[in-house]
Amino acid sequence: MDVQTQIKIKNNPYLYRYLRDNSSWYKALNRNPDNIRQMEIEMKKAYKLNLTDKIDDMNQKIELLRSFMDILS
């Protein structure tokens, strides 16, 4: 694995944790460091860090607050 890829992984705790949980990526990154982009995409899917996931989470929180407000009033 090249040094830039290692630095990128160390600076991002999500990537670091994902790499430790999915050790098959070590082999893929050693063979081709450009696979880091694919790993980031899969990591975002796994940890639900995409924009749509964040919007869905916010909607769920708003619905929960709305239901609490309905109960209180």
Protein backbone atom coordinates (compact mmCIF):
# COMPACT_ATOMS: atom_id res chain seq x y z
CA MET A 1 0.00 0.00 0.00
CA ASP A 2 1.45 3.37 -0.91
CA VAL A 3 2.09 6.10 1.64
CA GLN A 4 -0.65 8.46 0.41
CA THR A 5 -3.26 5.74 0.79
CA GLN A 6 -2.04 4.96 4.30
CA ILE A 7 -2.20 8.63 5.27
CA LYS A 8 -5.72 8.96 3.86
CA ILE A 9 -6.87 5.93 5.85
CA LYS A 10 -5.23 7.10 9.08
CA ASN A 11 -6.80 10.57 8.78
CA ASN A 12 -10.33 9.20 8.34
CA PRO A 13 -11.54 7.18 11.35
CA TYR A 14 -14.43 5.68 9.34
CA LEU A 15 -12.06 4.37 6.67
CA TYR A 16 -9.70 3.03 9.31
CA ARG A 17 -12.49 1.18 11.12
CA TYR A 18 -13.95 -0.13 7.86
CA LEU A 19 -10.55 -1.45 6.79
CA ARG A 20 -10.10 -3.23 10.12
CA ASP A 21 -13.59 -4.75 9.86
CA ASN A 22 -13.12 -5.79 6.22
CA SER A 23 -9.58 -7.02 5.96
CA SER A 24 -9.99 -8.16 2.35
CA TRP A 25 -9.43 -4.53 1.39
CA TYR A 26 -5.78 -4.80 2.44
CA LYS A 27 -5.09 -7.08 -0.50
CA ALA A 28 -7.09 -4.90 -2.93
CA LEU A 29 -5.30 -1.73 -1.82
CA ASN A 30 -1.89 -3.38 -2.01
CA ARG A 31 -2.55 -4.44 -5.57
CA ASN A 32 -4.12 -1.17 -6.70
CA PRO A 33 -4.13 1.93 -4.44
CA ASP A 34 -6.77 3.54 -6.67
CA ASN A 35 -9.30 1.14 -5.13
CA ILE A 36 -9.48 3.54 -2.19
CA ARG A 37 -12.34 5.33 -3.98
CA GLN A 38 -14.35 2.11 -4.23
CA MET A 39 -13.61 1.39 -0.58
CA GLU A 40 -14.89 4.85 0.39
CA ILE A 41 -18.13 4.24 -1.53
CA GLU A 42 -18.69 0.91 0.21
CA MET A 43 -17.78 2.42 3.59
CA LYS A 44 -20.34 5.19 3.13
CA LYS A 45 -22.99 2.62 2.26
CA ALA A 46 -22.09 0.46 5.25
CA TYR A 47 -22.05 3.31 7.77
CA LYS A 48 -24.92 5.21 6.10
CA LEU A 49 -22.94 8.38 5.49
CA ASN A 50 -24.50 9.23 2.12
CA LEU A 51 -26.58 12.36 1.74
CA THR A 52 -29.78 10.38 1.23
CA ASP A 53 -29.14 8.39 4.40
CA LYS A 54 -28.61 11.60 6.37
CA ILE A 55 -31.82 13.09 4.99
CA ASP A 56 -33.76 9.94 5.88
CA ASP A 57 -32.34 10.02 9.39
CA MET A 58 -33.34 13.67 9.77
CA ASN A 59 -36.86 12.88 8.55
CA GLN A 60 -37.19 10.11 11.11
CA LYS A 61 -36.10 12.46 13.89
CA ILE A 62 -38.58 15.11 12.76
CA GLU A 63 -41.38 12.53 12.68
CA LEU A 64 -40.46 11.39 16.18
CA LEU A 65 -40.55 14.98 17.46
CA ARG A 66 -43.83 15.58 15.67
CA SER A 67 -45.39 12.53 17.34
CA PHE A 68 -44.17 13.71 20.76
CA MET A 69 -45.64 17.13 20.13
CA ASP A 70 -48.98 15.56 19.15
CA ILE A 71 -49.02 13.54 22.36
CA LEU A 72 -48.21 16.57 24.50
CA SER A 73 -50.83 18.83 22.94
